[in-house]
Amino acid sequence: MGRKLSLAVFLGLILMTLAVPVFAQGEAAAAGAEKSQWLLISSGFGMALAAAGCGYAQSRALAAACEGVSRNPGATDTIRIFIFLGLAFIEFLALLTFVVIMLLLFT
């Protein structure tokens, strides 16, 4: 009996999940103006979080590079190459976030 009940509950949940888009279409027309307001606010927060995360990652990477150079001065050239490459990848994440936000705002 437990297996039939669990199957019925599972099928009921699937049917309720499929029925949600039907009710969402009626509210989509009314929420057009509100969407743009929340899009601006959330894109600002998203860019702020991306910039903060990239700044933190860059500071940690530079601190690790300075520590590596101080421990082994002979590896300065190798560490310099990898730190520039790492900083470029970290900065790319912030730029990619900016591009995604601009695409969301202007499409």
PDB file of N, CA and C in Angstrom:
ATOM      1  N   MET A   1       0.816  -1.194   0.000  1.00  0.00           N
ATOM      2  CA  MET A   1       0.000   0.000   0.000  1.00  0.00           C
ATOM      3  C   MET A   1       0.859   1.256   0.000  1.00  0.00           C
ATOM      4  N   GLY A   2       2.008   1.218   0.649  1.00  0.00           N
ATOM      5  CA  GLY A   2       2.892   2.374   0.717  1.00  0.00           C
ATOM      6  C   GLY A   2       3.467   2.734  -0.650  1.00  0.00           C
ATOM      7  N   ARG A   3       3.696   1.712  -1.477  1.00  0.00           N
ATOM      8  CA  ARG A   3       4.252   1.970  -2.797  1.00  0.00           C
ATOM      9  C   ARG A   3       3.243   2.665  -3.694  1.00  0.00           C
ATOM     10  N   LYS A   4       1.988   2.265  -3.620  1.00  0.00           N
ATOM     11  CA  LYS A   4       0.952   2.913  -4.425  1.00  0.00           C
ATOM     12  C   LYS A   4       0.749   4.360  -3.989  1.00  0.00           C
ATOM     13  N   LEU A   5       0.799   4.591  -2.695  1.00  0.00           N
ATOM     14  CA  LEU A   5       0.627   5.950  -2.184  1.00  0.00           C
ATOM     15  C   LEU A   5       1.788   6.844  -2.618  1.00  0.00           C
ATOM     16  N   SER A   6       2.997   6.315  -2.543  1.00  0.00           N
ATOM     17  CA  SER A   6       4.149   7.124  -2.956  1.00  0.00           C
ATOM     18  C   SER A   6       4.126   7.398  -4.459  1.00  0.00           C
ATOM     19  N   LEU A   7       3.656   6.434  -5.250  1.00  0.00           N
ATOM     20  CA  LEU A   7       3.525   6.645  -6.685  1.00  0.00           C
ATOM     21  C   LEU A   7       2.470   7.700  -6.981  1.00  0.00           C
ATOM     22  N   ALA A   8       1.356   7.663  -6.263  1.00  0.00           N
ATOM     23  CA  ALA A   8       0.303   8.655  -6.466  1.00  0.00           C
ATOM     24  C   ALA A   8       0.778  10.050  -6.077  1.00  0.00           C
ATOM     25  N   VAL A   9       1.508  10.155  -4.989  1.00  0.00           N
ATOM     26  CA  VAL A   9       2.042  11.461  -4.572  1.00  0.00           C
ATOM     27  C   VAL A   9       3.054  11.963  -5.593  1.00  0.00           C
ATOM     28  N   PHE A  10       3.905  11.087  -6.093  1.00  0.00           N
ATOM     29  CA  PHE A  10       4.902  11.471  -7.084  1.00  0.00           C
ATOM     30  C   PHE A  10       4.239  11.957  -8.369  1.00  0.00           C
ATOM     31  N   LEU A  11       3.235  11.232  -8.848  1.00  0.00           N
ATOM     32  CA  LEU A  11       2.529  11.653 -10.058  1.00  0.00           C
ATOM     33  C   LEU A  11       1.779  12.964  -9.835  1.00  0.00           C
ATOM     34  N   GLY A  12       1.217  13.135  -8.652  1.00  0.00           N
ATOM     35  CA  GLY A  12       0.538  14.391  -8.337  1.00  0.00           C
ATOM     36  C   GLY A  12       1.493  15.573  -8.351  1.00  0.00           C
ATOM     37  N   LEU A  13       2.690  15.376  -7.810  1.00  0.00           N
ATOM     38  CA  LEU A  13       3.687  16.448  -7.820  1.00  0.00           C
ATOM     39  C   LEU A  13       4.133  16.791  -9.236  1.00  0.00           C
ATOM     40  N   ILE A  14       4.280  15.782 -10.074  1.00  0.00           N
ATOM     41  CA  ILE A  14       4.667  16.036 -11.461  1.00  0.00           C
ATOM     42  C   ILE A  14       3.566  16.799 -12.187  1.00  0.00           C
ATOM     43  N   LEU A  15       2.312  16.417 -11.976  1.00  0.00           N
ATOM     44  CA  LEU A  15       1.209  17.130 -12.625  1.00  0.00           C
ATOM     45  C   LEU A  15       1.104  18.569 -12.136  1.00  0.00           C
ATOM     46  N   MET A  16       1.342  18.806 -10.862  1.00  0.00           N
ATOM     47  CA  MET A  16       1.310  20.181 -10.351  1.00  0.00           C
ATOM     48  C   MET A  16       2.460  21.004 -10.923  1.00  0.00           C
ATOM     49  N   THR A  17       3.603  20.373 -11.115  1.00  0.00           N
ATOM     50  CA  THR A  17       4.739  21.083 -11.695  1.00  0.00           C
ATOM     51  C   THR A  17       4.459  21.469 -13.141  1.00  0.00           C
ATOM     52  N   LEU A  18       3.789  20.597 -13.873  1.00  0.00           N
ATOM     53  CA  LEU A  18       3.469  20.901 -15.260  1.00  0.00           C
ATOM     54  C   LEU A  18       2.361  21.941 -15.382  1.00  0.00           C
ATOM     55  N   ALA A  19       1.542  22.106 -14.366  1.00  0.00           N
ATOM     56  CA  ALA A  19       0.436  23.059 -14.424  1.00  0.00           C
ATOM     57  C   ALA A  19       0.855  24.475 -14.057  1.00  0.00           C
ATOM     58  N   VAL A  20       2.018  24.668 -13.502  1.00  0.00           N
ATOM     59  CA  VAL A  20       2.457  26.000 -13.067  1.00  0.00           C
ATOM     60  C   VAL A  20       2.565  26.994 -14.222  1.00  0.00           C
ATOM     61  N   PRO A  21       3.110  26.645 -15.393  1.00  0.00           N
ATOM     62  CA  PRO A  21       3.200  27.634 -16.470  1.00  0.00           C
ATOM     63  C   PRO A  21       1.846  28.166 -16.937  1.00  0.00           C
ATOM     64  N   VAL A  22       0.791  27.403 -16.775  1.00  0.00           N
ATOM     65  CA  VAL A  22      -0.534  27.874 -17.172  1.00  0.00           C
ATOM     66  C   VAL A  22      -0.941  29.082 -16.342  1.00  0.00           C
ATOM     67  N   PHE A  23      -0.674  29.039 -15.054  1.00  0.00           N
ATOM     68  CA  PHE A  23      -1.042  30.153 -14.186  1.00  0.00           C
ATOM     69  C   PHE A  23      -0.057  31.310 -14.300  1.00  0.00           C
ATOM     70  N   ALA A  24       1.149  31.045 -14.710  1.00  0.00           N
ATOM     71  CA  ALA A  24       2.165  32.097 -14.788  1.00  0.00           C
ATOM     72  C   ALA A  24       1.937  33.021 -15.972  1.00  0.00           C
ATOM     73  N   GLN A  25       1.262  32.563 -17.016  1.00  0.00           N
ATOM     74  CA  GLN A  25       1.074  33.392 -18.197  1.00  0.00           C
ATOM     75  C   GLN A  25       0.142  34.560 -17.932  1.00  0.00           C
ATOM     76  N   GLY A  26      -0.818  34.403 -17.065  1.00  0.00           N
ATOM     77  CA  GLY A  26      -1.729  35.498 -16.763  1.00  0.00           C
ATOM     78  C   GLY A  26      -1.060  36.621 -16.003  1.00  0.00           C
ATOM     79  N   GLU A  27      -0.106  36.305 -15.170  1.00  0.00           N
ATOM     80  CA  GLU A  27       0.583  37.318 -14.380  1.00  0.00           C
ATOM     81  C   GLU A  27       1.728  37.971 -15.141  1.00  0.00           C
ATOM     82  N   ALA A  28       2.156  37.381 -16.234  1.00  0.00           N
ATOM     83  CA  ALA A  28       3.307  37.916 -16.959  1.00  0.00           C
ATOM     84  C   ALA A  28       3.001  39.271 -17.574  1.00  0.00           C
ATOM     85  N   ALA A  29       1.791  39.471 -18.046  1.00  0.00           N
ATOM     86  CA  ALA A  29       1.445  40.749 -18.656  1.00  0.00           C
ATOM     87  C   ALA A  29       1.391  41.862 -17.626  1.00  0.00           C
ATOM     88  N   ALA A  30       0.940  41.548 -16.420  1.00  0.00           N
ATOM     89  CA  ALA A  30       0.818  42.568 -15.381  1.00  0.00           C
ATOM     90  C   ALA A  30       2.161  42.924 -14.766  1.00  0.00           C
ATOM     91  N   ALA A  31       3.128  42.050 -14.866  1.00  0.00           N
ATOM     92  CA  ALA A  31       4.410  42.273 -14.199  1.00  0.00           C
ATOM     93  C   ALA A  31       5.472  42.819 -15.136  1.00  0.00           C
ATOM     94  N   GLY A  32       5.099  43.373 -16.285  1.00  0.00           N
ATOM     95  CA  GLY A  32       6.079  43.875 -17.247  1.00  0.00           C
ATOM     96  C   GLY A  32       6.880  45.042 -16.725  1.00  0.00           C
ATOM     97  N   ALA A  33       6.222  46.024 -16.114  1.00  0.00           N
ATOM     98  CA  ALA A  33       6.931  47.203 -15.611  1.00  0.00           C
ATOM     99  C   ALA A  33       7.737  46.870 -14.368  1.00  0.00           C
ATOM    100  N   GLU A  34       7.200  45.978 -13.551  1.00  0.00           N
ATOM    101  CA  GLU A  34       7.905  45.612 -12.322  1.00  0.00           C
ATOM    102  C   GLU A  34       9.166  44.813 -12.632  1.00  0.00           C
ATOM    103  N   LYS A  35       9.150  44.088 -13.741  1.00  0.00           N
ATOM    104  CA  LYS A  35      10.307  43.281 -14.113  1.00  0.00           C
ATOM    105  C   LYS A  35      11.522  44.162 -14.383  1.00  0.00           C
ATOM    106  N   SER A  36      11.330  45.260 -15.089  1.00  0.00           N
ATOM    107  CA  SER A  36      12.475  46.103 -15.421  1.00  0.00           C
ATOM    108  C   SER A  36      13.072  46.747 -14.176  1.00  0.00           C
ATOM    109  N   GLN A  37      12.224  47.094 -13.208  1.00  0.00           N
ATOM    110  CA  GLN A  37      12.726  47.691 -11.973  1.00  0.00           C
ATOM    111  C   GLN A  37      13.583  46.683 -11.204  1.00  0.00           C
ATOM    112  N   TRP A  38      13.097  45.462 -11.073  1.00  0.00           N
ATOM    113  CA  TRP A  38      13.862  44.447 -10.347  1.00  0.00           C
ATOM    114  C   TRP A  38      15.090  44.006 -11.129  1.00  0.00           C
ATOM    115  N   LEU A  39      15.018  44.088 -12.447  1.00  0.00           N
ATOM    116  CA  LEU A  39      16.181  43.741 -13.257  1.00  0.00           C
ATOM    117  C   LEU A  39      17.315  44.729 -13.020  1.00  0.00           C
ATOM    118  N   LEU A  40      16.989  46.008 -12.910  1.00  0.00           N
ATOM    119  CA  LEU A  40      18.017  47.015 -12.637  1.00  0.00           C
ATOM    120  C   LEU A  40      18.647  46.812 -11.263  1.00  0.00           C
ATOM    121  N   ILE A  41      17.815  46.558 -10.269  1.00  0.00           N
ATOM    122  CA  ILE A  41      18.324  46.374  -8.910  1.00  0.00           C
ATOM    123  C   ILE A  41      19.182  45.114  -8.816  1.00  0.00           C
ATOM    124  N   SER A  42      18.689  44.017  -9.373  1.00  0.00           N
ATOM    125  CA  SER A  42      19.437  42.761  -9.277  1.00  0.00           C
ATOM    126  C   SER A  42      20.719  42.798 -10.109  1.00  0.00           C
ATOM    127  N   SER A  43      20.710  43.503 -11.236  1.00  0.00           N
ATOM    128  CA  SER A  43      21.944  43.600 -12.019  1.00  0.00           C
ATOM    129  C   SER A  43      22.991  44.433 -11.288  1.00  0.00           C
ATOM    130  N   GLY A  44      22.555  45.456 -10.575  1.00  0.00           N
ATOM    131  CA  GLY A  44      23.501  46.231  -9.764  1.00  0.00           C
ATOM    132  C   GLY A  44      24.118  45.395  -8.660  1.00  0.00           C
ATOM    133  N   PHE A  45      23.290  44.621  -7.973  1.00  0.00           N
ATOM    134  CA  PHE A  45      23.814  43.739  -6.926  1.00  0.00           C
ATOM    135  C   PHE A  45      24.722  42.662  -7.516  1.00  0.00           C
ATOM    136  N   GLY A  46      24.350  42.144  -8.679  1.00  0.00           N
ATOM    137  CA  GLY A  46      25.177  41.118  -9.316  1.00  0.00           C
ATOM    138  C   GLY A  46      26.551  41.634  -9.693  1.00  0.00           C
ATOM    139  N   MET A  47      26.594  42.839 -10.242  1.00  0.00           N
ATOM    140  CA  MET A  47      27.888  43.413 -10.610  1.00  0.00           C
ATOM    141  C   MET A  47      28.709  43.746  -9.376  1.00  0.00           C
ATOM    142  N   ALA A  48      28.040  44.204  -8.319  1.00  0.00           N
ATOM    143  CA  ALA A  48      28.763  44.499  -7.077  1.00  0.00           C
ATOM    144  C   ALA A  48      29.371  43.230  -6.487  1.00  0.00           C
ATOM    145  N   LEU A  49      28.607  42.142  -6.492  1.00  0.00           N
ATOM    146  CA  LEU A  49      29.141  40.874  -5.980  1.00  0.00           C
ATOM    147  C   LEU A  49      30.284  40.356  -6.846  1.00  0.00           C
ATOM    148  N   ALA A  50      30.147  40.489  -8.163  1.00  0.00           N
ATOM    149  CA  ALA A  50      31.215  40.030  -9.053  1.00  0.00           C
ATOM    150  C   ALA A  50      32.484  40.845  -8.845  1.00  0.00           C
ATOM    151  N   ALA A  51      32.344  42.153  -8.703  1.00  0.00           N
ATOM    152  CA  ALA A  51      33.521  42.998  -8.491  1.00  0.00           C
ATOM    153  C   ALA A  51      34.171  42.704  -7.140  1.00  0.00           C
ATOM    154  N   ALA A  52      33.350  42.494  -6.118  1.00  0.00           N
ATOM    155  CA  ALA A  52      33.903  42.181  -4.798  1.00  0.00           C
ATOM    156  C   ALA A  52      34.612  40.829  -4.812  1.00  0.00           C
ATOM    157  N   GLY A  53      34.004  39.847  -5.454  1.00  0.00           N
ATOM    158  CA  GLY A  53      34.629  38.528  -5.539  1.00  0.00           C
ATOM    159  C   GLY A  53      35.930  38.552  -6.325  1.00  0.00           C
ATOM    160  N   CYS A  54      35.941  39.285  -7.421  1.00  0.00           N
ATOM    161  CA  CYS A  54      37.171  39.376  -8.216  1.00  0.00           C
ATOM    162  C   CYS A  54      38.256  40.150  -7.477  1.00  0.00           C
ATOM    163  N   GLY A  55      37.869  41.195  -6.770  1.00  0.00           N
ATOM    164  CA  GLY A  55      38.856  41.940  -5.986  1.00  0.00           C
ATOM    165  C   GLY A  55      39.470  41.085  -4.896  1.00  0.00           C
ATOM    166  N   TYR A  56      38.630  40.310  -4.236  1.00  0.00           N
ATOM    167  CA  TYR A  56      39.140  39.413  -3.191  1.00  0.00           C
ATOM    168  C   TYR A  56      40.061  38.352  -3.788  1.00  0.00           C
ATOM    169  N   ALA A  57      39.663  37.791  -4.928  1.00  0.00           N
ATOM    170  CA  ALA A  57      40.481  36.755  -5.559  1.00  0.00           C
ATOM    171  C   ALA A  57      41.815  37.319  -6.034  1.00  0.00           C
ATOM    172  N   GLN A  58      41.800  38.536  -6.565  1.00  0.00           N
ATOM    173  CA  GLN A  58      43.053  39.141  -7.016  1.00  0.00           C
ATOM    174  C   GLN A  58      43.986  39.426  -5.846  1.00  0.00           C
ATOM    175  N   SER A  59      43.417  39.890  -4.742  1.00  0.00           N
ATOM    176  CA  SER A  59      44.274  40.163  -3.581  1.00  0.00           C
ATOM    177  C   SER A  59      44.878  38.879  -3.027  1.00  0.00           C
ATOM    178  N   ARG A  60      44.092  37.809  -3.015  1.00  0.00           N
ATOM    179  CA  ARG A  60      44.630  36.530  -2.537  1.00  0.00           C
ATOM    180  C   ARG A  60      45.710  36.000  -3.482  1.00  0.00           C
ATOM    181  N   ALA A  61      45.496  36.162  -4.786  1.00  0.00           N
ATOM    182  CA  ALA A  61      46.483  35.682  -5.751  1.00  0.00           C
ATOM    183  C   ALA A  61      47.789  36.462  -5.635  1.00  0.00           C
ATOM    184  N   LEU A  62      47.689  37.774  -5.486  1.00  0.00           N
ATOM    185  CA  LEU A  62      48.907  38.573  -5.346  1.00  0.00           C
ATOM    186  C   LEU A  62      49.623  38.286  -4.034  1.00  0.00           C
ATOM    187  N   ALA A  63      48.870  38.061  -2.974  1.00  0.00           N
ATOM    188  CA  ALA A  63      49.498  37.720  -1.693  1.00  0.00           C
ATOM    189  C   ALA A  63      50.234  36.392  -1.796  1.00  0.00           C
ATOM    190  N   ALA A  64      49.624  35.423  -2.476  1.00  0.00           N
ATOM    191  CA  ALA A  64      50.286  34.126  -2.647  1.00  0.00           C
ATOM    192  C   ALA A  64      51.525  34.258  -3.526  1.00  0.00           C
ATOM    193  N   ALA A  65      51.460  35.116  -4.549  1.00  0.00           N
ATOM    194  CA  ALA A  65      52.630  35.316  -5.408  1.00  0.00           C
ATOM    195  C   ALA A  65      53.763  35.983  -4.640  1.00  0.00           C
ATOM    196  N   CYS A  66      53.439  36.978  -3.835  1.00  0.00           N
ATOM    197  CA  CYS A  66      54.475  37.641  -3.028  1.00  0.00           C
ATOM    198  C   CYS A  66      55.108  36.665  -2.045  1.00  0.00           C
ATOM    199  N   GLU A  67      54.287  35.817  -1.467  1.00  0.00           N
ATOM    200  CA  GLU A  67      54.824  34.818  -0.537  1.00  0.00           C
ATOM    201  C   GLU A  67      55.717  33.822  -1.266  1.00  0.00           C
ATOM    202  N   GLY A  68      55.300  33.429  -2.472  1.00  0.00           N
ATOM    203  CA  GLY A  68      56.113  32.495  -3.247  1.00  0.00           C
ATOM    204  C   GLY A  68      57.445  33.088  -3.653  1.00  0.00           C
ATOM    205  N   VAL A  69      57.442  34.366  -4.029  1.00  0.00           N
ATOM    206  CA  VAL A  69      58.695  35.023  -4.407  1.00  0.00           C
ATOM    207  C   VAL A  69      59.604  35.188  -3.199  1.00  0.00           C
ATOM    208  N   SER A  70      59.014  35.503  -2.049  1.00  0.00           N
ATOM    209  CA  SER A  70      59.853  35.680  -0.858  1.00  0.00           C
ATOM    210  C   SER A  70      60.456  34.358  -0.385  1.00  0.00           C
ATOM    211  N   ARG A  71      59.784  33.261  -0.646  1.00  0.00           N
ATOM    212  CA  ARG A  71      60.333  31.959  -0.244  1.00  0.00           C
ATOM    213  C   ARG A  71      61.366  31.446  -1.235  1.00  0.00           C
ATOM    214  N   ASN A  72      61.135  31.747  -2.521  1.00  0.00           N
ATOM    215  CA  ASN A  72      62.051  31.262  -3.548  1.00  0.00           C
ATOM    216  C   ASN A  72      62.277  32.372  -4.574  1.00  0.00           C
ATOM    217  N   PRO A  73      63.256  33.227  -4.362  1.00  0.00           N
ATOM    218  CA  PRO A  73      63.484  34.339  -5.293  1.00  0.00           C
ATOM    219  C   PRO A  73      63.885  33.894  -6.699  1.00  0.00           C
ATOM    220  N   GLY A  74      64.368  32.701  -6.835  1.00  0.00           N
ATOM    221  CA  GLY A  74      64.760  32.205  -8.152  1.00  0.00           C
ATOM    222  C   GLY A  74      63.574  31.912  -9.060  1.00  0.00           C
ATOM    223  N   ALA A  75      62.399  31.749  -8.492  1.00  0.00           N
ATOM    224  CA  ALA A  75      61.205  31.427  -9.280  1.00  0.00           C
ATOM    225  C   ALA A  75      60.391  32.665  -9.643  1.00  0.00           C
ATOM    226  N   THR A  76      61.015  33.828  -9.572  1.00  0.00           N
ATOM    227  CA  THR A  76      60.289  35.077  -9.807  1.00  0.00           C
ATOM    228  C   THR A  76      59.697  35.141 -11.211  1.00  0.00           C
ATOM    229  N   ASP A  77      60.465  34.764 -12.229  1.00  0.00           N
ATOM    230  CA  ASP A  77      59.969  34.848 -13.607  1.00  0.00           C
ATOM    231  C   ASP A  77      58.798  33.902 -13.845  1.00  0.00           C
ATOM    232  N   THR A  78      58.888  32.695 -13.325  1.00  0.00           N
ATOM    233  CA  THR A  78      57.800  31.728 -13.480  1.00  0.00           C
ATOM    234  C   THR A  78      56.552  32.188 -12.750  1.00  0.00           C
ATOM    235  N   ILE A  79      56.720  32.687 -11.550  1.00  0.00           N
ATOM    236  CA  ILE A  79      55.568  33.154 -10.774  1.00  0.00           C
ATOM    237  C   ILE A  79      54.937  34.363 -11.446  1.00  0.00           C
ATOM    238  N   ARG A  80      55.761  35.239 -12.027  1.00  0.00           N
ATOM    239  CA  ARG A  80      55.236  36.430 -12.697  1.00  0.00           C
ATOM    240  C   ARG A  80      54.338  36.049 -13.872  1.00  0.00           C
ATOM    241  N   ILE A  81      54.750  35.062 -14.647  1.00  0.00           N
ATOM    242  CA  ILE A  81      53.944  34.622 -15.793  1.00  0.00           C
ATOM    243  C   ILE A  81      52.598  34.088 -15.315  1.00  0.00           C
ATOM    244  N   PHE A  82      52.632  33.237 -14.303  1.00  0.00           N
ATOM    245  CA  PHE A  82      51.389  32.640 -13.829  1.00  0.00           C
ATOM    246  C   PHE A  82      50.490  33.644 -13.121  1.00  0.00           C
ATOM    247  N   ILE A  83      51.071  34.627 -12.452  1.00  0.00           N
ATOM    248  CA  ILE A  83      50.230  35.604 -11.768  1.00  0.00           C
ATOM    249  C   ILE A  83      49.542  36.509 -12.786  1.00  0.00           C
ATOM    250  N   PHE A  84      50.234  36.892 -13.864  1.00  0.00           N
ATOM    251  CA  PHE A  84      49.578  37.700 -14.898  1.00  0.00           C
ATOM    252  C   PHE A  84      48.460  36.918 -15.573  1.00  0.00           C
ATOM    253  N   LEU A  85      48.710  35.650 -15.836  1.00  0.00           N
ATOM    254  CA  LEU A  85      47.686  34.806 -16.446  1.00  0.00           C
ATOM    255  C   LEU A  85      46.489  34.643 -15.513  1.00  0.00           C
ATOM    256  N   GLY A  86      46.755  34.406 -14.236  1.00  0.00           N
ATOM    257  CA  GLY A  86      45.675  34.255 -13.263  1.00  0.00           C
ATOM    258  C   GLY A  86      44.878  35.528 -13.076  1.00  0.00           C
ATOM    259  N   LEU A  87      45.564  36.675 -13.019  1.00  0.00           N
ATOM    260  CA  LEU A  87      44.853  37.947 -12.875  1.00  0.00           C
ATOM    261  C   LEU A  87      43.999  38.248 -14.102  1.00  0.00           C
ATOM    262  N   ALA A  88      44.478  37.863 -15.281  1.00  0.00           N
ATOM    263  CA  ALA A  88      43.675  38.060 -16.491  1.00  0.00           C
ATOM    264  C   ALA A  88      42.407  37.214 -16.444  1.00  0.00           C
ATOM    265  N   PHE A  89      42.513  35.973 -15.995  1.00  0.00           N
ATOM    266  CA  PHE A  89      41.329  35.118 -15.886  1.00  0.00           C
ATOM    267  C   PHE A  89      40.355  35.642 -14.839  1.00  0.00           C
ATOM    268  N   ILE A  90      40.879  36.129 -13.730  1.00  0.00           N
ATOM    269  CA  ILE A  90      40.012  36.658 -12.676  1.00  0.00           C
ATOM    270  C   ILE A  90      39.287  37.909 -13.164  1.00  0.00           C
ATOM    271  N   GLU A  91      40.006  38.780 -13.858  1.00  0.00           N
ATOM    272  CA  GLU A  91      39.384  40.008 -14.368  1.00  0.00           C
ATOM    273  C   GLU A  91      38.363  39.681 -15.452  1.00  0.00           C
ATOM    274  N   PHE A  92      38.613  38.624 -16.208  1.00  0.00           N
ATOM    275  CA  PHE A  92      37.666  38.213 -17.236  1.00  0.00           C
ATOM    276  C   PHE A  92      36.316  37.847 -16.631  1.00  0.00           C
ATOM    277  N   LEU A  93      36.310  37.293 -15.431  1.00  0.00           N
ATOM    278  CA  LEU A  93      35.041  36.950 -14.787  1.00  0.00           C
ATOM    279  C   LEU A  93      34.208  38.193 -14.516  1.00  0.00           C
ATOM    280  N   ALA A  94      34.844  39.271 -14.078  1.00  0.00           N
ATOM    281  CA  ALA A  94      34.107  40.513 -13.846  1.00  0.00           C
ATOM    282  C   ALA A  94      33.604  41.093 -15.165  1.00  0.00           C
ATOM    283  N   LEU A  95      34.422  41.051 -16.197  1.00  0.00           N
ATOM    284  CA  LEU A  95      33.989  41.560 -17.498  1.00  0.00           C
ATOM    285  C   LEU A  95      32.868  40.715 -18.086  1.00  0.00           C
ATOM    286  N   LEU A  96      32.931  39.410 -17.885  1.00  0.00           N
ATOM    287  CA  LEU A  96      31.869  38.535 -18.368  1.00  0.00           C
ATOM    288  C   LEU A  96      30.560  38.823 -17.640  1.00  0.00           C
ATOM    289  N   THR A  97      30.630  39.087 -16.353  1.00  0.00           N
ATOM    290  CA  THR A  97      29.435  39.470 -15.604  1.00  0.00           C
ATOM    291  C   THR A  97      28.854  40.762 -16.149  1.00  0.00           C
ATOM    292  N   PHE A  98      29.706  41.720 -16.463  1.00  0.00           N
ATOM    293  CA  PHE A  98      29.251  42.990 -17.025  1.00  0.00           C
ATOM    294  C   PHE A  98      28.568  42.783 -18.376  1.00  0.00           C
ATOM    295  N   VAL A  99      29.129  41.930 -19.221  1.00  0.00           N
ATOM    296  CA  VAL A  99      28.537  41.664 -20.534  1.00  0.00           C
ATOM    297  C   VAL A  99      27.178  40.993 -20.386  1.00  0.00           C
ATOM    298  N   VAL A 100      27.066  40.034 -19.481  1.00  0.00           N
ATOM    299  CA  VAL A 100      25.785  39.354 -19.265  1.00  0.00           C
ATOM    300  C   VAL A 100      24.738  40.335 -18.759  1.00  0.00           C
ATOM    301  N   ILE A 101      25.122  41.227 -17.863  1.00  0.00           N
ATOM    302  CA  ILE A 101      24.183  42.223 -17.346  1.00  0.00           C
ATOM    303  C   ILE A 101      23.741  43.161 -18.462  1.00  0.00           C
ATOM    304  N   MET A 102      24.659  43.584 -19.313  1.00  0.00           N
ATOM    305  CA  MET A 102      24.284  44.463 -20.424  1.00  0.00           C
ATOM    306  C   MET A 102      23.352  43.742 -21.392  1.00  0.00           C
ATOM    307  N   LEU A 103      23.593  42.463 -21.631  1.00  0.00           N
ATOM    308  CA  LEU A 103      22.686  41.699 -22.493  1.00  0.00           C
ATOM    309  C   LEU A 103      21.293  41.599 -21.878  1.00  0.00           C
ATOM    310  N   LEU A 104      21.221  41.410 -20.575  1.00  0.00           N
ATOM    311  CA  LEU A 104      19.921  41.335 -19.915  1.00  0.00           C
ATOM    312  C   LEU A 104      19.194  42.670 -19.951  1.00  0.00           C
ATOM    313  N   LEU A 105      19.925  43.751 -19.811  1.00  0.00           N
ATOM    314  CA  LEU A 105      19.287  45.065 -19.772  1.00  0.00           C
ATOM    315  C   LEU A 105      18.804  45.525 -21.140  1.00  0.00           C
ATOM    316  N   PHE A 106      19.549  45.217 -22.190  1.00  0.00           N
ATOM    317  CA  PHE A 106      19.224  45.766 -23.500  1.00  0.00           C
ATOM    318  C   PHE A 106      18.578  44.779 -24.462  1.00  0.00           C
ATOM    319  N   THR A 107      18.156  43.627 -23.982  1.00  0.00           N
ATOM    320  CA  THR A 107      17.414  42.706 -24.857  1.00  0.00           C
ATOM    321  C   THR A 107      16.036  42.486 -24.327  1.00  0.00           C
TER     322      THR A 107
END
